[in-house]
Amino acid sequence: MNHAAQTQNDRINLRLKHNAKLMLERAASFEGQTISKFVLSSALANAEKTIQKHEVMSLNTQDSEAFFNALASPVQFNNKLSSALEEHDERVSSK
């Protein structure tokens, strides 16, 4: 078995209207790619953007400074939080 067959074994099938297929064929031909390669590269680029949007937090300078200052400052518990932690320790036993 050749290397390509060993590494490319997952498959996605989809149904689409004839006009959509014609558009994909046309776009792929403009890029000099097969339809499969064109669809895969387009889908992966969109997937990367979607993942970036959901997993990456971007802050402006002011917000990033506030974030890092908060991380660097020691935590000060108020009375309610201290009481809640004490109550938690009394009620919950870790095994």
Protein backbone atom coordinates (compact mmCIF):
# COMPACT_ATOMS: atom_id res chain seq x y z
CA MET A 1 0.00 0.00 0.00
CA ASN A 2 1.41 3.42 -0.86
CA HIS A 3 1.92 6.25 1.65
CA ALA A 4 -1.07 8.32 0.42
CA ALA A 5 -3.43 5.40 0.91
CA GLN A 6 -2.12 4.86 4.43
CA THR A 7 -2.56 8.46 5.57
CA GLN A 8 -5.74 9.47 3.76
CA ASN A 9 -8.32 6.99 4.97
CA ASP A 10 -11.08 9.19 6.39
CA ARG A 11 -13.89 10.22 4.12
CA ILE A 12 -16.67 12.82 4.11
CA ASN A 13 -19.56 12.49 1.70
CA LEU A 14 -22.01 15.25 0.99
CA ARG A 15 -24.94 15.87 -1.27
CA LEU A 16 -25.32 19.14 -3.08
CA LYS A 17 -27.34 20.68 -5.84
CA HIS A 18 -26.02 20.48 -9.38
CA ASN A 19 -25.45 24.25 -9.54
CA ALA A 20 -23.38 24.12 -6.35
CA LYS A 21 -21.21 21.36 -7.83
CA LEU A 22 -20.72 23.35 -11.02
CA MET A 23 -19.64 26.38 -8.97
CA LEU A 24 -17.14 24.30 -6.98
CA GLU A 25 -15.76 22.77 -10.18
CA ARG A 26 -15.38 26.21 -11.73
CA ALA A 27 -13.66 27.68 -8.66
CA ALA A 28 -11.36 24.66 -8.34
CA SER A 29 -10.36 24.97 -11.99
CA PHE A 30 -9.46 28.65 -11.50
CA GLU A 31 -7.11 27.56 -8.69
CA GLY A 32 -5.75 24.62 -10.67
CA GLN A 33 -7.00 22.16 -8.05
CA THR A 34 -9.22 19.12 -7.97
CA ILE A 35 -12.66 19.63 -6.45
CA SER A 36 -11.66 17.51 -3.45
CA LYS A 37 -8.53 19.53 -2.80
CA PHE A 38 -10.38 22.83 -3.28
CA VAL A 39 -13.23 21.85 -0.95
CA LEU A 40 -10.82 20.47 1.66
CA SER A 41 -8.57 23.54 1.67
CA SER A 42 -11.57 25.90 1.80
CA ALA A 43 -13.22 23.92 4.61
CA LEU A 44 -9.98 23.74 6.63
CA ALA A 45 -9.41 27.50 6.28
CA ASN A 46 -12.94 28.15 7.52
CA ALA A 47 -12.54 25.61 10.33
CA GLU A 48 -9.35 27.32 11.47
CA LYS A 49 -11.10 30.71 11.56
CA THR A 50 -14.03 29.24 13.52
CA ILE A 51 -11.75 27.56 16.06
CA GLN A 52 -9.73 30.76 16.43
CA LYS A 53 -12.91 32.74 17.05
CA HIS A 54 -14.10 30.38 19.78
CA GLU A 55 -10.84 29.46 21.48
CA VAL A 56 -8.72 32.60 21.38
CA MET A 57 -9.31 35.65 23.51
CA SER A 58 -8.02 38.94 22.11
CA LEU A 59 -7.64 41.95 24.38
CA ASN A 60 -6.75 45.52 23.64
CA THR A 61 -3.79 47.08 25.46
CA GLN A 62 -5.86 48.49 28.31
CA ASP A 63 -7.74 45.23 28.93
CA SER A 64 -4.60 43.09 28.69
CA GLU A 65 -2.84 45.30 31.24
CA ALA A 66 -5.82 45.02 33.60
CA PHE A 67 -5.87 41.23 33.13
CA PHE A 68 -2.16 40.80 33.88
CA ASN A 69 -2.34 43.20 36.83
CA ALA A 70 -5.19 41.15 38.27
CA LEU A 71 -3.11 37.98 37.90
CA ALA A 72 -0.15 39.61 39.61
CA SER A 73 -2.17 40.99 42.54
CA PRO A 74 -2.63 38.78 45.59
CA VAL A 75 -6.15 37.45 46.07
CA GLN A 76 -8.07 38.91 49.00
CA PHE A 77 -11.05 36.89 50.19
CA ASN A 78 -14.02 38.74 51.56
CA ASN A 79 -15.97 37.35 54.55
CA LYS A 80 -18.63 35.63 52.42
CA LEU A 81 -16.05 33.80 50.34
CA SER A 82 -14.07 32.75 53.41
CA SER A 83 -17.26 31.44 55.04
CA ALA A 84 -18.24 29.57 51.89
CA LEU A 85 -14.83 27.91 51.69
CA GLU A 86 -14.99 26.89 55.35
CA GLU A 87 -18.49 25.47 54.86
CA HIS A 88 -17.30 23.59 51.78
CA ASP A 89 -14.44 22.05 53.76
CA GLU A 90 -16.89 20.93 56.47
CA ARG A 91 -19.41 19.41 54.05
CA VAL A 92 -17.21 17.89 51.37
CA SER A 93 -14.64 15.23 51.97
CA SER A 94 -12.21 14.45 49.18
CA LYS A 95 -11.17 10.84 48.72
